[in-house]
Amino acid sequence: MKIPVVSLFLLSNVAVLVNCQCPSGWTQNEDSCYFLHTHDKYDWAESQVFCKGHRAHLVYIETKAENDYLKGMFAQRLRNSTDHNDHVWLGATDEIEERKFVWYGVEQPVTFTDWGPHEPNSNPTWGREDCLVARANYGWKWADLNCHNVNYFICEKPVPDGSAVG
């Protein structure tokens, strides 16, 4: 009787993997769907608006595993880029209180971080830097940048309801 139980378990896991699906053009990892926008560069607020239009938000990176997955995605999708300024907007800001980053829209503090060298720095030479970005020239580590800069961006939303079996 143990063989049928194991077979059923394996079939159940396959069903979960097959039936979990993000919209076309989106990539699934764990319980989230991601869309890395690399066609045009937008400022941080415009990026938020784009994501919201797709019932999503700029990504909230909450764990090292999620961060590692996304850094791999950035490196792979932007590997042919020759511009070391091809950064990717993330969904946190410290516009309310300097150096206290929160995930925009949910106002939850950023607890996991992957700061690049000497970051965050909000260098006044380049204007106030209140928005979070993954920087290409830092190996996709994080930095704060002026929110009016234009960059690529990544949206996140939950895996659609009803697509997971379980």
N, C-alpha and C. Protein backbone atom coordinates (compact mmCIF):
# COMPACT_ATOMS: atom_id res chain seq x y z
N MET A 1 0.81 -1.21 0.00
CA MET A 1 0.00 0.00 0.00
C MET A 1 0.85 1.27 0.00
N LYS A 2 2.11 1.20 0.36
CA LYS A 2 2.93 2.41 0.37
C LYS A 2 3.21 2.93 -1.03
N ILE A 3 3.34 2.07 -2.00
CA ILE A 3 3.64 2.51 -3.37
C ILE A 3 2.52 3.39 -3.91
N PRO A 4 1.24 3.02 -3.80
CA PRO A 4 0.18 3.92 -4.30
C PRO A 4 0.18 5.27 -3.59
N VAL A 5 0.46 5.30 -2.28
CA VAL A 5 0.48 6.56 -1.56
C VAL A 5 1.59 7.45 -2.09
N VAL A 6 2.79 6.89 -2.32
CA VAL A 6 3.91 7.65 -2.86
C VAL A 6 3.56 8.13 -4.26
N SER A 7 2.98 7.27 -5.08
CA SER A 7 2.61 7.66 -6.44
C SER A 7 1.58 8.80 -6.41
N LEU A 8 0.62 8.69 -5.52
CA LEU A 8 -0.39 9.74 -5.41
C LEU A 8 0.26 11.06 -4.99
N PHE A 9 1.21 11.00 -4.07
CA PHE A 9 1.91 12.19 -3.62
C PHE A 9 2.67 12.81 -4.78
N LEU A 10 3.36 12.02 -5.56
CA LEU A 10 4.10 12.54 -6.70
C LEU A 10 3.16 13.15 -7.74
N LEU A 11 2.04 12.48 -8.00
CA LEU A 11 1.08 13.03 -8.94
C LEU A 11 0.49 14.34 -8.43
N SER A 12 0.26 14.40 -7.13
CA SER A 12 -0.27 15.62 -6.54
C SER A 12 0.72 16.77 -6.72
N ASN A 13 2.01 16.52 -6.49
CA ASN A 13 3.00 17.58 -6.66
C ASN A 13 3.10 18.02 -8.12
N VAL A 14 3.02 17.11 -9.05
CA VAL A 14 3.07 17.47 -10.46
C VAL A 14 1.87 18.34 -10.80
N ALA A 15 0.70 17.99 -10.28
CA ALA A 15 -0.50 18.78 -10.56
C ALA A 15 -0.33 20.21 -10.06
N VAL A 16 0.26 20.38 -8.89
CA VAL A 16 0.47 21.72 -8.35
C VAL A 16 1.40 22.51 -9.27
N LEU A 17 2.48 21.88 -9.71
CA LEU A 17 3.43 22.58 -10.55
C LEU A 17 2.84 22.91 -11.92
N VAL A 18 2.08 22.02 -12.48
CA VAL A 18 1.51 22.23 -13.80
C VAL A 18 0.42 23.30 -13.75
N ASN A 19 -0.39 23.31 -12.70
CA ASN A 19 -1.54 24.20 -12.64
C ASN A 19 -1.23 25.60 -12.11
N CYS A 20 -0.05 25.81 -11.52
CA CYS A 20 0.33 27.14 -11.06
C CYS A 20 0.80 27.91 -12.28
N GLN A 21 0.14 29.00 -12.57
CA GLN A 21 0.52 29.70 -13.79
C GLN A 21 0.32 31.19 -13.66
N CYS A 22 1.31 31.92 -14.09
CA CYS A 22 1.24 33.37 -14.15
C CYS A 22 0.76 33.78 -15.53
N PRO A 23 0.32 35.01 -15.66
CA PRO A 23 -0.09 35.49 -17.00
C PRO A 23 1.08 35.39 -17.99
N SER A 24 0.75 35.36 -19.24
CA SER A 24 1.75 35.30 -20.30
C SER A 24 2.74 36.45 -20.16
N GLY A 25 4.02 36.15 -20.26
CA GLY A 25 5.07 37.15 -20.13
C GLY A 25 5.58 37.33 -18.72
N TRP A 26 4.90 36.75 -17.75
CA TRP A 26 5.30 36.83 -16.35
C TRP A 26 6.02 35.53 -15.97
N THR A 27 6.87 35.60 -14.96
CA THR A 27 7.64 34.45 -14.49
C THR A 27 7.24 34.14 -13.06
N GLN A 28 7.05 32.87 -12.76
CA GLN A 28 6.66 32.48 -11.41
C GLN A 28 7.84 31.98 -10.60
N ASN A 29 7.90 32.41 -9.36
CA ASN A 29 8.81 31.87 -8.36
C ASN A 29 8.04 31.86 -7.04
N GLU A 30 7.95 30.68 -6.45
CA GLU A 30 7.18 30.52 -5.22
C GLU A 30 5.74 30.98 -5.46
N ASP A 31 5.23 31.89 -4.62
CA ASP A 31 3.84 32.33 -4.71
C ASP A 31 3.68 33.65 -5.46
N SER A 32 4.72 34.09 -6.15
CA SER A 32 4.67 35.37 -6.84
C SER A 32 4.89 35.22 -8.34
N CYS A 33 4.30 36.14 -9.08
CA CYS A 33 4.54 36.30 -10.51
C CYS A 33 5.33 37.59 -10.67
N TYR A 34 6.35 37.57 -11.54
CA TYR A 34 7.21 38.73 -11.76
C TYR A 34 7.21 39.11 -13.22
N PHE A 35 7.25 40.42 -13.48
CA PHE A 35 7.40 40.92 -14.84
C PHE A 35 8.54 41.92 -14.85
N LEU A 36 9.63 41.55 -15.51
CA LEU A 36 10.79 42.44 -15.63
C LEU A 36 10.63 43.24 -16.92
N HIS A 37 10.40 44.54 -16.77
CA HIS A 37 10.16 45.43 -17.91
C HIS A 37 11.49 45.99 -18.39
N THR A 38 11.90 45.57 -19.59
CA THR A 38 13.18 46.02 -20.14
C THR A 38 13.02 46.66 -21.52
N HIS A 39 11.82 47.04 -21.88
CA HIS A 39 11.59 47.67 -23.18
C HIS A 39 11.90 49.17 -23.14
N ASP A 40 11.40 49.83 -22.13
CA ASP A 40 11.60 51.27 -21.96
C ASP A 40 12.02 51.50 -20.52
N LYS A 41 12.60 52.66 -20.28
CA LYS A 41 12.97 53.04 -18.92
C LYS A 41 12.00 54.12 -18.44
N TYR A 42 11.53 53.96 -17.20
CA TYR A 42 10.60 54.91 -16.59
C TYR A 42 11.18 55.39 -15.26
N ASP A 43 10.65 56.51 -14.78
CA ASP A 43 11.04 56.91 -13.42
C ASP A 43 10.28 56.01 -12.43
N TRP A 44 10.58 56.18 -11.15
CA TRP A 44 10.05 55.27 -10.15
C TRP A 44 8.52 55.34 -10.06
N ALA A 45 7.97 56.55 -10.06
CA ALA A 45 6.51 56.71 -9.97
C ALA A 45 5.81 56.15 -11.21
N GLU A 46 6.36 56.40 -12.40
CA GLU A 46 5.79 55.84 -13.62
C GLU A 46 5.83 54.32 -13.62
N SER A 47 6.90 53.78 -13.05
CA SER A 47 7.02 52.31 -12.94
C SER A 47 5.93 51.75 -12.04
N GLN A 48 5.66 52.45 -10.92
CA GLN A 48 4.58 52.03 -10.02
C GLN A 48 3.24 52.03 -10.75
N VAL A 49 2.99 53.09 -11.53
CA VAL A 49 1.73 53.20 -12.27
C VAL A 49 1.60 52.04 -13.27
N PHE A 50 2.66 51.73 -13.98
CA PHE A 50 2.64 50.62 -14.93
C PHE A 50 2.27 49.32 -14.20
N CYS A 51 2.96 49.04 -13.08
CA CYS A 51 2.67 47.82 -12.32
C CYS A 51 1.23 47.80 -11.85
N LYS A 52 0.77 48.91 -11.29
CA LYS A 52 -0.61 48.99 -10.79
C LYS A 52 -1.61 48.70 -11.90
N GLY A 53 -1.32 49.14 -13.11
CA GLY A 53 -2.19 48.87 -14.25
C GLY A 53 -2.29 47.39 -14.58
N HIS A 54 -1.36 46.61 -14.06
CA HIS A 54 -1.38 45.15 -14.25
C HIS A 54 -1.70 44.43 -12.94
N ARG A 55 -2.36 45.16 -12.04
CA ARG A 55 -2.75 44.63 -10.73
C ARG A 55 -1.54 44.07 -9.98
N ALA A 56 -0.47 44.84 -10.00
CA ALA A 56 0.79 44.44 -9.38
C ALA A 56 1.40 45.66 -8.70
N HIS A 57 2.60 45.52 -8.20
CA HIS A 57 3.35 46.61 -7.57
C HIS A 57 4.83 46.38 -7.86
N LEU A 58 5.64 47.42 -7.72
CA LEU A 58 7.07 47.20 -7.80
C LEU A 58 7.44 46.17 -6.73
N VAL A 59 8.36 45.30 -7.05
CA VAL A 59 8.66 44.12 -6.24
C VAL A 59 9.03 44.46 -4.79
N TYR A 60 8.53 43.63 -3.87
CA TYR A 60 8.93 43.65 -2.47
C TYR A 60 9.84 42.43 -2.28
N ILE A 61 11.10 42.64 -1.99
CA ILE A 61 12.04 41.53 -1.80
C ILE A 61 12.16 41.28 -0.31
N GLU A 62 11.69 40.12 0.11
CA GLU A 62 11.57 39.86 1.55
C GLU A 62 12.55 38.82 2.09
N THR A 63 13.21 38.08 1.21
CA THR A 63 14.14 37.04 1.68
C THR A 63 15.38 36.99 0.79
N LYS A 64 16.43 36.38 1.31
CA LYS A 64 17.64 36.18 0.52
C LYS A 64 17.35 35.29 -0.68
N ALA A 65 16.55 34.27 -0.50
CA ALA A 65 16.22 33.36 -1.61
C ALA A 65 15.52 34.12 -2.74
N GLU A 66 14.56 34.97 -2.40
CA GLU A 66 13.87 35.76 -3.42
C GLU A 66 14.85 36.72 -4.10
N ASN A 67 15.70 37.37 -3.30
CA ASN A 67 16.68 38.29 -3.85
C ASN A 67 17.64 37.57 -4.81
N ASP A 68 18.12 36.40 -4.41
CA ASP A 68 19.03 35.63 -5.26
C ASP A 68 18.35 35.24 -6.57
N TYR A 69 17.10 34.83 -6.50
CA TYR A 69 16.35 34.48 -7.70
C TYR A 69 16.26 35.68 -8.65
N LEU A 70 15.90 36.84 -8.10
CA LEU A 70 15.73 38.03 -8.93
C LEU A 70 17.06 38.52 -9.49
N LYS A 71 18.13 38.47 -8.70
CA LYS A 71 19.45 38.85 -9.22
C LYS A 71 19.83 37.96 -10.40
N GLY A 72 19.51 36.68 -10.32
CA GLY A 72 19.77 35.77 -11.44
C GLY A 72 18.96 36.16 -12.66
N MET A 73 17.70 36.54 -12.44
CA MET A 73 16.84 36.97 -13.55
C MET A 73 17.42 38.23 -14.20
N PHE A 74 17.83 39.20 -13.39
CA PHE A 74 18.39 40.44 -13.93
C PHE A 74 19.65 40.14 -14.74
N ALA A 75 20.53 39.34 -14.16
CA ALA A 75 21.80 39.02 -14.84
C ALA A 75 21.55 38.32 -16.17
N GLN A 76 20.58 37.42 -16.19
CA GLN A 76 20.30 36.68 -17.43
C GLN A 76 19.62 37.55 -18.47
N ARG A 77 18.60 38.29 -18.06
CA ARG A 77 17.82 39.08 -19.01
C ARG A 77 18.55 40.32 -19.52
N LEU A 78 19.48 40.83 -18.72
CA LEU A 78 20.21 42.04 -19.11
C LEU A 78 21.68 41.75 -19.39
N ARG A 79 22.02 40.50 -19.64
CA ARG A 79 23.42 40.11 -19.83
C ARG A 79 24.06 40.70 -21.07
N ASN A 80 23.27 41.01 -22.08
CA ASN A 80 23.83 41.57 -23.31
C ASN A 80 23.88 43.09 -23.29
N SER A 81 23.48 43.66 -22.19
CA SER A 81 23.49 45.12 -22.08
C SER A 81 24.93 45.62 -21.99
N THR A 82 25.19 46.72 -22.65
CA THR A 82 26.52 47.33 -22.56
C THR A 82 26.51 48.55 -21.64
N ASP A 83 25.34 48.88 -21.12
CA ASP A 83 25.20 50.06 -20.26
C ASP A 83 25.25 49.63 -18.80
N HIS A 84 26.28 50.09 -18.09
CA HIS A 84 26.41 49.75 -16.67
C HIS A 84 25.40 50.52 -15.82
N ASN A 85 24.59 51.35 -16.45
CA ASN A 85 23.53 52.07 -15.74
C ASN A 85 22.17 51.44 -15.98
N ASP A 86 22.14 50.20 -16.44
CA ASP A 86 20.87 49.50 -16.63
C ASP A 86 20.42 48.92 -15.29
N HIS A 87 19.87 49.78 -14.47
CA HIS A 87 19.42 49.39 -13.15
C HIS A 87 17.94 49.00 -13.20
N VAL A 88 17.46 48.40 -12.10
CA VAL A 88 16.08 47.93 -12.02
C VAL A 88 15.43 48.49 -10.76
N TRP A 89 14.34 49.25 -10.94
CA TRP A 89 13.61 49.80 -9.79
C TRP A 89 12.98 48.67 -8.97
N LEU A 90 13.06 48.80 -7.64
CA LEU A 90 12.41 47.91 -6.68
C LEU A 90 11.36 48.75 -5.93
N GLY A 91 10.55 48.13 -5.10
CA GLY A 91 9.37 48.80 -4.55
C GLY A 91 9.48 49.48 -3.21
N ALA A 92 10.67 49.91 -2.80
CA ALA A 92 10.79 50.57 -1.49
C ALA A 92 11.26 52.01 -1.65
N THR A 93 10.95 52.79 -0.62
CA THR A 93 11.34 54.21 -0.60
C THR A 93 11.63 54.64 0.85
N ASP A 94 12.46 55.67 0.98
CA ASP A 94 12.66 56.30 2.30
C ASP A 94 12.27 57.77 2.24
N GLU A 95 11.27 58.08 1.41
CA GLU A 95 10.86 59.48 1.22
C GLU A 95 10.25 60.10 2.48
N ILE A 96 9.70 59.31 3.37
CA ILE A 96 9.10 59.85 4.60
C ILE A 96 10.18 60.12 5.65
N GLU A 97 11.07 59.15 5.86
CA GLU A 97 12.15 59.31 6.84
C GLU A 97 13.44 58.72 6.26
N GLU A 98 14.44 59.58 6.12
CA GLU A 98 15.71 59.20 5.50
C GLU A 98 16.31 57.95 6.18
N ARG A 99 16.72 56.99 5.33
CA ARG A 99 17.35 55.72 5.70
C ARG A 99 16.41 54.73 6.39
N LYS A 100 15.11 55.02 6.37
CA LYS A 100 14.12 54.06 6.87
C LYS A 100 13.26 53.65 5.68
N PHE A 101 13.73 52.64 4.97
CA PHE A 101 13.04 52.19 3.77
C PHE A 101 11.82 51.35 4.13
N VAL A 102 10.72 51.63 3.41
CA VAL A 102 9.48 50.85 3.57
C VAL A 102 9.00 50.43 2.18
N TRP A 103 8.31 49.30 2.15
CA TRP A 103 7.71 48.84 0.89
C TRP A 103 6.51 49.72 0.59
N TYR A 104 6.54 50.38 -0.55
CA TYR A 104 5.53 51.35 -0.93
C TYR A 104 4.16 50.67 -1.10
N GLY A 105 3.14 51.30 -0.55
CA GLY A 105 1.78 50.80 -0.68
C GLY A 105 1.34 49.97 0.51
N VAL A 106 2.28 49.32 1.18
CA VAL A 106 1.94 48.54 2.38
C VAL A 106 2.62 49.12 3.61
N GLU A 107 3.55 50.06 3.39
CA GLU A 107 4.25 50.76 4.47
C GLU A 107 4.90 49.82 5.48
N GLN A 108 5.34 48.64 5.01
CA GLN A 108 6.05 47.70 5.87
C GLN A 108 7.55 47.97 5.78
N PRO A 109 8.26 47.96 6.91
CA PRO A 109 9.70 48.22 6.87
C PRO A 109 10.43 47.14 6.07
N VAL A 110 11.47 47.56 5.38
CA VAL A 110 12.33 46.63 4.66
C VAL A 110 13.21 45.96 5.71
N THR A 111 13.08 44.65 5.85
CA THR A 111 13.86 43.94 6.87
C THR A 111 15.05 43.20 6.27
N PHE A 112 14.89 42.58 5.11
CA PHE A 112 16.02 41.98 4.40
C PHE A 112 16.61 43.07 3.50
N THR A 113 17.94 43.18 3.45
CA THR A 113 18.60 44.14 2.56
C THR A 113 19.79 43.50 1.87
N ASP A 114 20.19 44.09 0.76
CA ASP A 114 21.38 43.65 0.01
C ASP A 114 22.07 44.89 -0.56
N TRP A 115 22.47 45.79 0.33
CA TRP A 115 23.06 47.06 -0.09
C TRP A 115 24.40 46.88 -0.78
N GLY A 116 24.62 47.70 -1.80
CA GLY A 116 25.91 47.79 -2.45
C GLY A 116 26.86 48.61 -1.59
N PRO A 117 28.10 48.75 -2.06
CA PRO A 117 29.10 49.48 -1.27
C PRO A 117 28.68 50.94 -1.01
N HIS A 118 28.79 51.34 0.24
CA HIS A 118 28.50 52.71 0.69
C HIS A 118 27.05 53.13 0.47
N GLU A 119 26.16 52.17 0.42
CA GLU A 119 24.73 52.45 0.22
C GLU A 119 23.96 52.09 1.48
N PRO A 120 22.82 52.71 1.72
CA PRO A 120 22.26 53.87 1.01
C PRO A 120 23.06 55.13 1.38
N ASN A 121 23.12 56.05 0.43
CA ASN A 121 23.94 57.24 0.68
C ASN A 121 23.24 58.56 0.41
N SER A 122 22.14 58.57 -0.30
CA SER A 122 21.39 59.79 -0.60
C SER A 122 22.31 60.97 -0.85
N ASN A 123 23.18 60.82 -1.82
CA ASN A 123 24.18 61.83 -2.15
C ASN A 123 23.51 63.10 -2.68
N PRO A 124 23.63 64.21 -1.98
CA PRO A 124 22.97 65.45 -2.40
C PRO A 124 23.47 65.98 -3.74
N THR A 125 24.65 65.57 -4.18
CA THR A 125 25.18 66.00 -5.47
C THR A 125 24.24 65.60 -6.60
N TRP A 126 23.60 64.46 -6.48
CA TRP A 126 22.71 63.94 -7.53
C TRP A 126 21.24 64.17 -7.20
N GLY A 127 20.94 64.99 -6.23
CA GLY A 127 19.57 65.21 -5.81
C GLY A 127 19.22 64.19 -4.73
N ARG A 128 18.12 64.40 -4.11
CA ARG A 128 17.68 63.50 -3.04
C ARG A 128 17.43 62.11 -3.60
N GLU A 129 17.96 61.10 -2.93
CA GLU A 129 17.84 59.72 -3.37
C GLU A 129 16.92 58.97 -2.41
N ASP A 130 15.69 58.75 -2.83
CA ASP A 130 14.68 58.15 -1.96
C ASP A 130 14.12 56.83 -2.47
N CYS A 131 14.54 56.37 -3.63
CA CYS A 131 13.93 55.18 -4.21
C CYS A 131 14.95 54.06 -4.38
N LEU A 132 14.48 52.84 -4.18
CA LEU A 132 15.34 51.66 -4.16
C LEU A 132 15.51 51.08 -5.56
N VAL A 133 16.75 50.71 -5.87
CA VAL A 133 17.08 50.15 -7.17
C VAL A 133 18.10 49.03 -6.98
N ALA A 134 18.08 48.05 -7.90
CA ALA A 134 19.14 47.06 -8.00
C ALA A 134 20.08 47.57 -9.08
N ARG A 135 21.35 47.76 -8.73
CA ARG A 135 22.31 48.39 -9.66
C ARG A 135 23.12 47.35 -10.42
N ALA A 136 23.13 47.50 -11.73
CA ALA A 136 23.90 46.60 -12.59
C ALA A 136 25.38 46.62 -12.23
N ASN A 137 25.92 47.82 -12.02
CA ASN A 137 27.36 47.93 -11.76
C ASN A 137 27.74 47.52 -10.34
N TYR A 138 26.80 47.12 -9.52
CA TYR A 138 27.06 46.58 -8.18
C TYR A 138 26.75 45.08 -8.15
N GLY A 139 26.64 44.44 -9.29
CA GLY A 139 26.27 43.02 -9.30
C GLY A 139 24.86 42.81 -8.80
N TRP A 140 23.99 43.79 -9.10
CA TRP A 140 22.57 43.78 -8.74
C TRP A 140 22.33 43.95 -7.24
N LYS A 141 23.32 44.47 -6.53
CA LYS A 141 23.09 44.85 -5.13
C LYS A 141 22.30 46.15 -5.13
N TRP A 142 21.76 46.51 -3.98
CA TRP A 142 20.82 47.62 -3.88
C TRP A 142 21.52 48.96 -3.66
N ALA A 143 20.80 50.00 -4.06
CA ALA A 143 21.23 51.38 -3.82
C ALA A 143 19.99 52.26 -3.77
N ASP A 144 20.17 53.46 -3.24
CA ASP A 144 19.11 54.46 -3.33
C ASP A 144 19.49 55.41 -4.45
N LEU A 145 18.50 55.81 -5.23
CA LEU A 145 18.70 56.73 -6.35
C LEU A 145 17.61 57.79 -6.35
N ASN A 146 17.86 58.84 -7.08
CA ASN A 146 16.85 59.87 -7.28
C ASN A 146 15.66 59.24 -8.00
N CYS A 147 14.49 59.41 -7.46
CA CYS A 147 13.27 58.78 -7.99
C CYS A 147 12.91 59.25 -9.40
N HIS A 148 13.49 60.36 -9.84
CA HIS A 148 13.21 60.89 -11.18
C HIS A 148 14.13 60.30 -12.25
N ASN A 149 15.15 59.55 -11.84
CA ASN A 149 15.98 58.84 -12.82
C ASN A 149 15.10 57.84 -13.56
N VAL A 150 15.49 57.46 -14.75
CA VAL A 150 14.74 56.44 -15.49
C VAL A 150 15.54 55.14 -15.51
N ASN A 151 14.83 54.04 -15.24
CA ASN A 151 15.44 52.72 -15.17
C ASN A 151 14.43 51.68 -15.64
N TYR A 152 14.92 50.46 -15.83
CA TYR A 152 14.02 49.33 -16.00
C TYR A 152 13.35 49.09 -14.65
N PHE A 153 12.39 48.18 -14.60
CA PHE A 153 11.71 47.91 -13.33
C PHE A 153 11.12 46.51 -13.34
N ILE A 154 10.77 46.04 -12.14
CA ILE A 154 10.17 44.72 -12.01
C ILE A 154 8.91 44.79 -11.16
N CYS A 155 7.83 44.25 -11.73
CA CYS A 155 6.54 44.19 -11.03
C CYS A 155 6.36 42.82 -10.39
N GLU A 156 5.56 42.79 -9.33
CA GLU A 156 5.25 41.54 -8.63
C GLU A 156 3.77 41.50 -8.31
N LYS A 157 3.18 40.32 -8.43
CA LYS A 157 1.82 40.10 -7.96
C LYS A 157 1.70 38.64 -7.56
N PRO A 158 0.68 38.31 -6.76
CA PRO A 158 0.51 36.93 -6.34
C PRO A 158 0.13 36.03 -7.52
N VAL A 159 0.45 34.77 -7.39
CA VAL A 159 -0.02 33.79 -8.36
C VAL A 159 -1.55 33.89 -8.37
N PRO A 160 -2.15 33.91 -9.55
CA PRO A 160 -3.62 34.07 -9.63
C PRO A 160 -4.38 33.03 -8.81
N ASP A 161 -5.44 33.47 -8.13
CA ASP A 161 -6.29 32.56 -7.36
C ASP A 161 -6.86 31.49 -8.29
N GLY A 162 -6.97 30.30 -7.76
CA GLY A 162 -7.57 29.20 -8.51
C GLY A 162 -6.60 28.48 -9.42
N SER A 163 -5.33 28.99 -9.52
CA SER A 163 -4.39 28.30 -10.40
C SER A 163 -3.58 27.27 -9.66
N ALA A 164 -3.61 27.30 -8.34
CA ALA A 164 -2.88 26.30 -7.56
C ALA A 164 -3.84 25.24 -7.06
N VAL A 165 -3.45 24.01 -7.17
CA VAL A 165 -4.23 22.89 -6.67
C VAL A 165 -3.66 22.51 -5.34
N GLY A 166 -4.49 22.30 -4.37
CA GLY A 166 -3.90 21.87 -3.12
C GLY A 166 -4.85 21.98 -2.04
